[in-house]
Amino acid sequence: TLDVIGQIEAVPGLSGTVSSRIAGRVVSVLVSEGDRVRRGQPVVEIESLQVGEPPPRVRYASPIDGTVIDRHIVAGESIEPNGHLLEVADLSTVLA
């Protein structure tokens, strides 16, 4: 047995961020931290601040296959363009 102090991290090139291009309100978050997702799988739905009846909605998808490792939003929250919503990482290979 060998005891060591260290940290396990995702490989930087094997992760992706979901961010919004529009200002709006989070209608639903379809995943939680720790959930496995597939590339293209819807993960967040945003209601735009643009005028319309009903207001336009945009669904954002996972950019890669992986695991949701960070979630910064909850339903009902207001968001700004380029706000960081989720991070997904491929944890099949990690750095120690």
PDB file of N, CA and C in Angstrom:
ATOM      1  N   THR A   1       0.839  -1.179   0.000  1.00  0.00           N
ATOM      2  CA  THR A   1       0.000   0.000   0.000  1.00  0.00           C
ATOM      3  C   THR A   1       0.883   1.241   0.000  1.00  0.00           C
ATOM      4  N   LEU A   2       0.497   2.205  -0.818  1.00  0.00           N
ATOM      5  CA  LEU A   2       1.239   3.457  -0.915  1.00  0.00           C
ATOM      6  C   LEU A   2       0.255   4.601  -0.740  1.00  0.00           C
ATOM      7  N   ASP A   3       0.441   5.409   0.272  1.00  0.00           N
ATOM      8  CA  ASP A   3      -0.409   6.579   0.495  1.00  0.00           C
ATOM      9  C   ASP A   3       0.265   7.794  -0.114  1.00  0.00           C
ATOM     10  N   VAL A   4      -0.499   8.540  -0.935  1.00  0.00           N
ATOM     11  CA  VAL A   4       0.029   9.747  -1.555  1.00  0.00           C
ATOM     12  C   VAL A   4      -1.024  10.849  -1.496  1.00  0.00           C
ATOM     13  N   ILE A   5      -0.559  12.073  -1.585  1.00  0.00           N
ATOM     14  CA  ILE A   5      -1.467  13.210  -1.664  1.00  0.00           C
ATOM     15  C   ILE A   5      -1.466  13.657  -3.117  1.00  0.00           C
ATOM     16  N   GLY A   6      -2.644  13.818  -3.685  1.00  0.00           N
ATOM     17  CA  GLY A   6      -2.705  14.203  -5.083  1.00  0.00           C
ATOM     18  C   GLY A   6      -4.092  14.654  -5.477  1.00  0.00           C
ATOM     19  N   GLN A   7      -4.250  14.832  -6.753  1.00  0.00           N
ATOM     20  CA  GLN A   7      -5.513  15.310  -7.278  1.00  0.00           C
ATOM     21  C   GLN A   7      -5.775  14.632  -8.616  1.00  0.00           C
ATOM     22  N   ILE A   8      -7.008  14.217  -8.834  1.00  0.00           N
ATOM     23  CA  ILE A   8      -7.414  13.632 -10.105  1.00  0.00           C
ATOM     24  C   ILE A   8      -8.186  14.700 -10.874  1.00  0.00           C
ATOM     25  N   GLU A   9      -7.812  14.944 -12.125  1.00  0.00           N
ATOM     26  CA  GLU A   9      -8.456  15.963 -12.945  1.00  0.00           C
ATOM     27  C   GLU A   9      -8.746  15.431 -14.335  1.00  0.00           C
ATOM     28  N   ALA A  10      -9.750  16.011 -14.963  1.00  0.00           N
ATOM     29  CA  ALA A  10     -10.057  15.684 -16.349  1.00  0.00           C
ATOM     30  C   ALA A  10      -8.945  16.220 -17.248  1.00  0.00           C
ATOM     31  N   VAL A  11      -8.687  15.544 -18.348  1.00  0.00           N
ATOM     32  CA  VAL A  11      -7.720  16.020 -19.337  1.00  0.00           C
ATOM     33  C   VAL A  11      -8.310  17.280 -19.984  1.00  0.00           C
ATOM     34  N   PRO A  12      -7.586  18.406 -19.979  1.00  0.00           N
ATOM     35  CA  PRO A  12      -8.140  19.675 -20.473  1.00  0.00           C
ATOM     36  C   PRO A  12      -8.759  19.604 -21.870  1.00  0.00           C
ATOM     37  N   GLY A  13      -8.182  18.882 -22.777  1.00  0.00           N
ATOM     38  CA  GLY A  13      -8.723  18.797 -24.130  1.00  0.00           C
ATOM     39  C   GLY A  13      -9.928  17.889 -24.268  1.00  0.00           C
ATOM     40  N   LEU A  14     -10.307  17.219 -23.178  1.00  0.00           N
ATOM     41  CA  LEU A  14     -11.427  16.281 -23.223  1.00  0.00           C
ATOM     42  C   LEU A  14     -12.613  16.793 -22.411  1.00  0.00           C
ATOM     43  N   SER A  15     -12.831  18.101 -22.450  1.00  0.00           N
ATOM     44  CA  SER A  15     -13.972  18.672 -21.746  1.00  0.00           C
ATOM     45  C   SER A  15     -14.612  19.734 -22.625  1.00  0.00           C
ATOM     46  N   GLY A  16     -15.844  20.071 -22.293  1.00  0.00           N
ATOM     47  CA  GLY A  16     -16.560  21.082 -23.053  1.00  0.00           C
ATOM     48  C   GLY A  16     -17.479  21.880 -22.147  1.00  0.00           C
ATOM     49  N   THR A  17     -17.736  23.111 -22.527  1.00  0.00           N
ATOM     50  CA  THR A  17     -18.581  24.011 -21.756  1.00  0.00           C
ATOM     51  C   THR A  17     -19.854  24.298 -22.529  1.00  0.00           C
ATOM     52  N   VAL A  18     -20.961  24.366 -21.803  1.00  0.00           N
ATOM     53  CA  VAL A  18     -22.225  24.796 -22.389  1.00  0.00           C
ATOM     54  C   VAL A  18     -22.459  26.217 -21.902  1.00  0.00           C
ATOM     55  N   SER A  19     -22.604  27.153 -22.837  1.00  0.00           N
ATOM     56  CA  SER A  19     -22.887  28.546 -22.492  1.00  0.00           C
ATOM     57  C   SER A  19     -23.984  29.057 -23.419  1.00  0.00           C
ATOM     58  N   SER A  20     -24.671  30.093 -22.983  1.00  0.00           N
ATOM     59  CA  SER A  20     -25.777  30.643 -23.754  1.00  0.00           C
ATOM     60  C   SER A  20     -25.308  31.813 -24.603  1.00  0.00           C
ATOM     61  N   ARG A  21     -25.839  31.914 -25.797  1.00  0.00           N
ATOM     62  CA  ARG A  21     -25.539  33.056 -26.662  1.00  0.00           C
ATOM     63  C   ARG A  21     -26.557  34.171 -26.486  1.00  0.00           C
ATOM     64  N   ILE A  22     -27.582  33.901 -25.684  1.00  0.00           N
ATOM     65  CA  ILE A  22     -28.660  34.886 -25.510  1.00  0.00           C
ATOM     66  C   ILE A  22     -28.906  35.148 -24.027  1.00  0.00           C
ATOM     67  N   ALA A  23     -29.464  36.320 -23.739  1.00  0.00           N
ATOM     68  CA  ALA A  23     -29.926  36.604 -22.387  1.00  0.00           C
ATOM     69  C   ALA A  23     -31.305  35.972 -22.238  1.00  0.00           C
ATOM     70  N   GLY A  24     -31.596  35.491 -21.059  1.00  0.00           N
ATOM     71  CA  GLY A  24     -32.900  34.883 -20.858  1.00  0.00           C
ATOM     72  C   GLY A  24     -33.070  34.323 -19.466  1.00  0.00           C
ATOM     73  N   ARG A  25     -34.001  33.383 -19.365  1.00  0.00           N
ATOM     74  CA  ARG A  25     -34.317  32.733 -18.100  1.00  0.00           C
ATOM     75  C   ARG A  25     -34.241  31.227 -18.311  1.00  0.00           C
ATOM     76  N   VAL A  26     -33.667  30.542 -17.346  1.00  0.00           N
ATOM     77  CA  VAL A  26     -33.555  29.083 -17.427  1.00  0.00           C
ATOM     78  C   VAL A  26     -34.938  28.483 -17.194  1.00  0.00           C
ATOM     79  N   VAL A  27     -35.440  27.766 -18.187  1.00  0.00           N
ATOM     80  CA  VAL A  27     -36.739  27.108 -18.071  1.00  0.00           C
ATOM     81  C   VAL A  27     -36.557  25.757 -17.398  1.00  0.00           C
ATOM     82  N   SER A  28     -35.558  24.998 -17.860  1.00  0.00           N
ATOM     83  CA  SER A  28     -35.314  23.694 -17.250  1.00  0.00           C
ATOM     84  C   SER A  28     -33.863  23.274 -17.435  1.00  0.00           C
ATOM     85  N   VAL A  29     -33.379  22.574 -16.426  1.00  0.00           N
ATOM     86  CA  VAL A  29     -32.053  21.967 -16.476  1.00  0.00           C
ATOM     87  C   VAL A  29     -32.317  20.470 -16.523  1.00  0.00           C
ATOM     88  N   LEU A  30     -31.903  19.834 -17.597  1.00  0.00           N
ATOM     89  CA  LEU A  30     -32.270  18.441 -17.854  1.00  0.00           C
ATOM     90  C   LEU A  30     -31.270  17.438 -17.311  1.00  0.00           C
ATOM     91  N   VAL A  31     -30.191  17.909 -16.684  1.00  0.00           N
ATOM     92  CA  VAL A  31     -29.155  17.029 -16.150  1.00  0.00           C
ATOM     93  C   VAL A  31     -28.689  17.538 -14.789  1.00  0.00           C
ATOM     94  N   SER A  32     -28.035  16.662 -14.041  1.00  0.00           N
ATOM     95  CA  SER A  32     -27.446  17.009 -12.745  1.00  0.00           C
ATOM     96  C   SER A  32     -25.968  16.672 -12.783  1.00  0.00           C
ATOM     97  N   GLU A  33     -25.209  17.210 -11.825  1.00  0.00           N
ATOM     98  CA  GLU A  33     -23.800  16.836 -11.723  1.00  0.00           C
ATOM     99  C   GLU A  33     -23.709  15.329 -11.539  1.00  0.00           C
ATOM    100  N   GLY A  34     -22.771  14.722 -12.255  1.00  0.00           N
ATOM    101  CA  GLY A  34     -22.575  13.280 -12.179  1.00  0.00           C
ATOM    102  C   GLY A  34     -23.310  12.498 -13.253  1.00  0.00           C
ATOM    103  N   ASP A  35     -24.254  13.131 -13.953  1.00  0.00           N
ATOM    104  CA  ASP A  35     -24.995  12.448 -15.025  1.00  0.00           C
ATOM    105  C   ASP A  35     -24.100  12.226 -16.235  1.00  0.00           C
ATOM    106  N   ARG A  36     -24.235  11.058 -16.871  1.00  0.00           N
ATOM    107  CA  ARG A  36     -23.554  10.796 -18.141  1.00  0.00           C
ATOM    108  C   ARG A  36     -24.426  11.350 -19.251  1.00  0.00           C
ATOM    109  N   VAL A  37     -23.801  12.006 -20.217  1.00  0.00           N
ATOM    110  CA  VAL A  37     -24.518  12.581 -21.353  1.00  0.00           C
ATOM    111  C   VAL A  37     -23.834  12.196 -22.653  1.00  0.00           C
ATOM    112  N   ARG A  38     -24.593  12.251 -23.721  1.00  0.00           N
ATOM    113  CA  ARG A  38     -24.070  11.982 -25.065  1.00  0.00           C
ATOM    114  C   ARG A  38     -23.973  13.299 -25.818  1.00  0.00           C
ATOM    115  N   ARG A  39     -23.053  13.372 -26.748  1.00  0.00           N
ATOM    116  CA  ARG A  39     -22.925  14.565 -27.595  1.00  0.00           C
ATOM    117  C   ARG A  39     -24.261  14.808 -28.300  1.00  0.00           C
ATOM    118  N   GLY A  40     -24.735  16.048 -28.252  1.00  0.00           N
ATOM    119  CA  GLY A  40     -25.999  16.404 -28.892  1.00  0.00           C
ATOM    120  C   GLY A  40     -27.218  16.236 -28.001  1.00  0.00           C
ATOM    121  N   GLN A  41     -27.060  15.640 -26.836  1.00  0.00           N
ATOM    122  CA  GLN A  41     -28.182  15.449 -25.910  1.00  0.00           C
ATOM    123  C   GLN A  41     -28.577  16.792 -25.305  1.00  0.00           C
ATOM    124  N   PRO A  42     -29.873  17.154 -25.347  1.00  0.00           N
ATOM    125  CA  PRO A  42     -30.301  18.412 -24.718  1.00  0.00           C
ATOM    126  C   PRO A  42     -30.006  18.402 -23.220  1.00  0.00           C
ATOM    127  N   VAL A  43     -29.445  19.523 -22.720  1.00  0.00           N
ATOM    128  CA  VAL A  43     -29.093  19.604 -21.301  1.00  0.00           C
ATOM    129  C   VAL A  43     -29.735  20.798 -20.588  1.00  0.00           C
ATOM    130  N   VAL A  44     -30.044  21.874 -21.329  1.00  0.00           N
ATOM    131  CA  VAL A  44     -30.617  23.086 -20.740  1.00  0.00           C
ATOM    132  C   VAL A  44     -31.590  23.708 -21.732  1.00  0.00           C
ATOM    133  N   GLU A  45     -32.691  24.260 -21.208  1.00  0.00           N
ATOM    134  CA  GLU A  45     -33.629  25.006 -22.051  1.00  0.00           C
ATOM    135  C   GLU A  45     -33.738  26.430 -21.498  1.00  0.00           C
ATOM    136  N   ILE A  46     -33.556  27.418 -22.396  1.00  0.00           N
ATOM    137  CA  ILE A  46     -33.562  28.831 -22.036  1.00  0.00           C
ATOM    138  C   ILE A  46     -34.717  29.528 -22.745  1.00  0.00           C
ATOM    139  N   GLU A  47     -35.432  30.379 -22.013  1.00  0.00           N
ATOM    140  CA  GLU A  47     -36.467  31.222 -22.605  1.00  0.00           C
ATOM    141  C   GLU A  47     -35.840  32.577 -22.885  1.00  0.00           C
ATOM    142  N   SER A  48     -35.866  32.985 -24.140  1.00  0.00           N
ATOM    143  CA  SER A  48     -35.238  34.233 -24.572  1.00  0.00           C
ATOM    144  C   SER A  48     -35.983  35.446 -24.031  1.00  0.00           C
ATOM    145  N   LEU A  49     -35.266  36.564 -23.912  1.00  0.00           N
ATOM    146  CA  LEU A  49     -35.895  37.823 -23.525  1.00  0.00           C
ATOM    147  C   LEU A  49     -36.526  38.527 -24.721  1.00  0.00           C
ATOM    148  N   GLN A  50     -36.384  37.965 -25.918  1.00  0.00           N
ATOM    149  CA  GLN A  50     -36.986  38.557 -27.111  1.00  0.00           C
ATOM    150  C   GLN A  50     -38.503  38.532 -26.983  1.00  0.00           C
ATOM    151  N   VAL A  51     -39.130  39.507 -27.581  1.00  0.00           N
ATOM    152  CA  VAL A  51     -40.581  39.609 -27.530  1.00  0.00           C
ATOM    153  C   VAL A  51     -41.201  38.517 -28.387  1.00  0.00           C
ATOM    154  N   GLY A  52     -42.259  37.942 -27.885  1.00  0.00           N
ATOM    155  CA  GLY A  52     -42.989  36.924 -28.616  1.00  0.00           C
ATOM    156  C   GLY A  52     -44.025  36.319 -27.699  1.00  0.00           C
ATOM    157  N   GLU A  53     -45.040  35.715 -28.266  1.00  0.00           N
ATOM    158  CA  GLU A  53     -46.073  35.079 -27.459  1.00  0.00           C
ATOM    159  C   GLU A  53     -46.287  33.677 -27.968  1.00  0.00           C
ATOM    160  N   PRO A  54     -45.719  32.656 -27.383  1.00  0.00           N
ATOM    161  CA  PRO A  54     -44.855  32.714 -26.198  1.00  0.00           C
ATOM    162  C   PRO A  54     -43.439  33.148 -26.588  1.00  0.00           C
ATOM    163  N   PRO A  55     -42.619  33.556 -25.600  1.00  0.00           N
ATOM    164  CA  PRO A  55     -41.232  33.932 -25.898  1.00  0.00           C
ATOM    165  C   PRO A  55     -40.471  32.750 -26.500  1.00  0.00           C
ATOM    166  N   PRO A  56     -39.572  33.019 -27.438  1.00  0.00           N
ATOM    167  CA  PRO A  56     -38.804  31.921 -28.043  1.00  0.00           C
ATOM    168  C   PRO A  56     -37.970  31.180 -27.002  1.00  0.00           C
ATOM    169  N   ARG A  57     -37.850  29.871 -27.210  1.00  0.00           N
ATOM    170  CA  ARG A  57     -37.027  29.040 -26.328  1.00  0.00           C
ATOM    171  C   ARG A  57     -35.899  28.407 -27.134  1.00  0.00           C
ATOM    172  N   VAL A  58     -34.760  28.242 -26.459  1.00  0.00           N
ATOM    173  CA  VAL A  58     -33.589  27.639 -27.089  1.00  0.00           C
ATOM    174  C   VAL A  58     -33.126  26.486 -26.211  1.00  0.00           C
ATOM    175  N   ARG A  59     -32.854  25.341 -26.853  1.00  0.00           N
ATOM    176  CA  ARG A  59     -32.298  24.196 -26.125  1.00  0.00           C
ATOM    177  C   ARG A  59     -30.827  24.089 -26.453  1.00  0.00           C
ATOM    178  N   TYR A  60     -30.021  23.914 -25.415  1.00  0.00           N
ATOM    179  CA  TYR A  60     -28.587  23.725 -25.598  1.00  0.00           C
ATOM    180  C   TYR A  60     -28.246  22.275 -25.330  1.00  0.00           C
ATOM    181  N   ALA A  61     -27.300  21.753 -26.121  1.00  0.00           N
ATOM    182  CA  ALA A  61     -26.933  20.348 -26.057  1.00  0.00           C
ATOM    183  C   ALA A  61     -25.505  20.175 -25.556  1.00  0.00           C
ATOM    184  N   SER A  62     -25.216  18.975 -25.101  1.00  0.00           N
ATOM    185  CA  SER A  62     -23.859  18.644 -24.662  1.00  0.00           C
ATOM    186  C   SER A  62     -22.915  18.665 -25.864  1.00  0.00           C
ATOM    187  N   PRO A  63     -21.744  19.298 -25.717  1.00  0.00           N
ATOM    188  CA  PRO A  63     -20.800  19.353 -26.837  1.00  0.00           C
ATOM    189  C   PRO A  63     -20.016  18.058 -27.035  1.00  0.00           C
ATOM    190  N   ILE A  64     -19.974  17.191 -26.012  1.00  0.00           N
ATOM    191  CA  ILE A  64     -19.205  15.941 -26.091  1.00  0.00           C
ATOM    192  C   ILE A  64     -19.914  14.845 -25.308  1.00  0.00           C
ATOM    193  N   ASP A  65     -19.487  13.601 -25.532  1.00  0.00           N
ATOM    194  CA  ASP A  65     -19.892  12.498 -24.662  1.00  0.00           C
ATOM    195  C   ASP A  65     -19.109  12.646 -23.366  1.00  0.00           C
ATOM    196  N   GLY A  66     -19.752  12.470 -22.228  1.00  0.00           N
ATOM    197  CA  GLY A  66     -19.015  12.567 -20.977  1.00  0.00           C
ATOM    198  C   GLY A  66     -19.917  12.635 -19.767  1.00  0.00           C
ATOM    199  N   THR A  67     -19.384  13.218 -18.714  1.00  0.00           N
ATOM    200  CA  THR A  67     -20.070  13.342 -17.438  1.00  0.00           C
ATOM    201  C   THR A  67     -20.188  14.815 -17.073  1.00  0.00           C
ATOM    202  N   VAL A  68     -21.351  15.219 -16.581  1.00  0.00           N
ATOM    203  CA  VAL A  68     -21.538  16.595 -16.128  1.00  0.00           C
ATOM    204  C   VAL A  68     -20.736  16.749 -14.838  1.00  0.00           C
ATOM    205  N   ILE A  69     -19.705  17.610 -14.878  1.00  0.00           N
ATOM    206  CA  ILE A  69     -18.848  17.759 -13.702  1.00  0.00           C
ATOM    207  C   ILE A  69     -19.082  19.074 -12.967  1.00  0.00           C
ATOM    208  N   ASP A  70     -19.803  20.001 -13.590  1.00  0.00           N
ATOM    209  CA  ASP A  70     -20.056  21.282 -12.950  1.00  0.00           C
ATOM    210  C   ASP A  70     -21.348  21.858 -13.510  1.00  0.00           C
ATOM    211  N   ARG A  71     -22.235  22.281 -12.617  1.00  0.00           N
ATOM    212  CA  ARG A  71     -23.503  22.886 -13.034  1.00  0.00           C
ATOM    213  C   ARG A  71     -23.665  24.184 -12.265  1.00  0.00           C
ATOM    214  N   HIS A  72     -23.836  25.299 -12.988  1.00  0.00           N
ATOM    215  CA  HIS A  72     -23.887  26.617 -12.374  1.00  0.00           C
ATOM    216  C   HIS A  72     -25.273  27.238 -12.362  1.00  0.00           C
ATOM    217  N   ILE A  73     -26.304  26.507 -12.753  1.00  0.00           N
ATOM    218  CA  ILE A  73     -27.615  27.119 -12.931  1.00  0.00           C
ATOM    219  C   ILE A  73     -28.719  26.290 -12.294  1.00  0.00           C
ATOM    220  N   VAL A  74     -29.850  26.963 -12.057  1.00  0.00           N
ATOM    221  CA  VAL A  74     -31.065  26.305 -11.588  1.00  0.00           C
ATOM    222  C   VAL A  74     -32.233  26.875 -12.388  1.00  0.00           C
ATOM    223  N   ALA A  75     -33.325  26.147 -12.443  1.00  0.00           N
ATOM    224  CA  ALA A  75     -34.512  26.605 -13.160  1.00  0.00           C
ATOM    225  C   ALA A  75     -34.991  27.925 -12.571  1.00  0.00           C
ATOM    226  N   GLY A  76     -35.378  28.845 -13.445  1.00  0.00           N
ATOM    227  CA  GLY A  76     -35.864  30.150 -13.034  1.00  0.00           C
ATOM    228  C   GLY A  76     -34.797  31.224 -12.961  1.00  0.00           C
ATOM    229  N   GLU A  77     -33.545  30.827 -13.013  1.00  0.00           N
ATOM    230  CA  GLU A  77     -32.433  31.786 -12.915  1.00  0.00           C
ATOM    231  C   GLU A  77     -32.302  32.607 -14.191  1.00  0.00           C
ATOM    232  N   SER A  78     -31.983  33.894 -14.049  1.00  0.00           N
ATOM    233  CA  SER A  78     -31.698  34.754 -15.201  1.00  0.00           C
ATOM    234  C   SER A  78     -30.255  34.536 -15.616  1.00  0.00           C
ATOM    235  N   ILE A  79     -30.020  34.562 -16.926  1.00  0.00           N
ATOM    236  CA  ILE A  79     -28.659  34.391 -17.433  1.00  0.00           C
ATOM    237  C   ILE A  79     -28.333  35.471 -18.451  1.00  0.00           C
ATOM    238  N   GLU A  80     -27.066  35.731 -18.583  1.00  0.00           N
ATOM    239  CA  GLU A  80     -26.554  36.699 -19.548  1.00  0.00           C
ATOM    240  C   GLU A  80     -25.829  35.954 -20.662  1.00  0.00           C
ATOM    241  N   PRO A  81     -25.684  36.578 -21.844  1.00  0.00           N
ATOM    242  CA  PRO A  81     -24.938  35.922 -22.925  1.00  0.00           C
ATOM    243  C   PRO A  81     -23.525  35.548 -22.470  1.00  0.00           C
ATOM    244  N   ASN A  82     -23.061  34.429 -22.946  1.00  0.00           N
ATOM    245  CA  ASN A  82     -21.741  33.876 -22.653  1.00  0.00           C
ATOM    246  C   ASN A  82     -21.586  33.416 -21.216  1.00  0.00           C
ATOM    247  N   GLY A  83     -22.682  33.345 -20.473  1.00  0.00           N
ATOM    248  CA  GLY A  83     -22.609  32.826 -19.109  1.00  0.00           C
ATOM    249  C   GLY A  83     -22.331  31.329 -19.121  1.00  0.00           C
ATOM    250  N   HIS A  84     -21.470  30.890 -18.241  1.00  0.00           N
ATOM    251  CA  HIS A  84     -21.098  29.471 -18.116  1.00  0.00           C
ATOM    252  C   HIS A  84     -22.259  28.727 -17.455  1.00  0.00           C
ATOM    253  N   LEU A  85     -22.853  27.758 -18.147  1.00  0.00           N
ATOM    254  CA  LEU A  85     -24.002  27.036 -17.619  1.00  0.00           C
ATOM    255  C   LEU A  85     -23.610  25.676 -17.044  1.00  0.00           C
ATOM    256  N   LEU A  86     -22.902  24.889 -17.848  1.00  0.00           N
ATOM    257  CA  LEU A  86     -22.508  23.529 -17.462  1.00  0.00           C
ATOM    258  C   LEU A  86     -21.132  23.216 -18.001  1.00  0.00           C
ATOM    259  N   GLU A  87     -20.472  22.252 -17.371  1.00  0.00           N
ATOM    260  CA  GLU A  87     -19.229  21.718 -17.924  1.00  0.00           C
ATOM    261  C   GLU A  87     -19.357  20.206 -17.992  1.00  0.00           C
ATOM    262  N   VAL A  88     -18.959  19.654 -19.132  1.00  0.00           N
ATOM    263  CA  VAL A  88     -19.000  18.220 -19.366  1.00  0.00           C
ATOM    264  C   VAL A  88     -17.577  17.764 -19.656  1.00  0.00           C
ATOM    265  N   ALA A  89     -17.171  16.644 -19.057  1.00  0.00           N
ATOM    266  CA  ALA A  89     -15.817  16.115 -19.276  1.00  0.00           C
ATOM    267  C   ALA A  89     -15.862  14.635 -19.579  1.00  0.00           C
ATOM    268  N   ASP A  90     -14.977  14.209 -20.452  1.00  0.00           N
ATOM    269  CA  ASP A  90     -14.782  12.780 -20.734  1.00  0.00           C
ATOM    270  C   ASP A  90     -13.819  12.258 -19.671  1.00  0.00           C
ATOM    271  N   LEU A  91     -14.345  11.464 -18.755  1.00  0.00           N
ATOM    272  CA  LEU A  91     -13.535  10.973 -17.641  1.00  0.00           C
ATOM    273  C   LEU A  91     -12.974   9.576 -17.886  1.00  0.00           C
ATOM    274  N   SER A  92     -12.997   9.139 -19.146  1.00  0.00           N
ATOM    275  CA  SER A  92     -12.427   7.816 -19.451  1.00  0.00           C
ATOM    276  C   SER A  92     -10.903   7.832 -19.294  1.00  0.00           C
ATOM    277  N   THR A  93     -10.293   9.012 -19.429  1.00  0.00           N
ATOM    278  CA  THR A  93      -8.864   9.211 -19.183  1.00  0.00           C
ATOM    279  C   THR A  93      -8.736  10.436 -18.287  1.00  0.00           C
ATOM    280  N   VAL A  94      -7.970  10.312 -17.201  1.00  0.00           N
ATOM    281  CA  VAL A  94      -7.802  11.440 -16.278  1.00  0.00           C
ATOM    282  C   VAL A  94      -6.325  11.648 -15.982  1.00  0.00           C
ATOM    283  N   LEU A  95      -5.998  12.815 -15.441  1.00  0.00           N
ATOM    284  CA  LEU A  95      -4.640  13.143 -15.014  1.00  0.00           C
ATOM    285  C   LEU A  95      -4.573  12.995 -13.495  1.00  0.00           C
ATOM    286  N   ALA A  96      -3.473  12.422 -13.023  1.00  0.00           N
ATOM    287  CA  ALA A  96      -3.263  12.288 -11.580  1.00  0.00           C
ATOM    288  C   ALA A  96      -2.021  13.050 -11.178  1.00  0.00           C
TER     289      ALA A  96
END
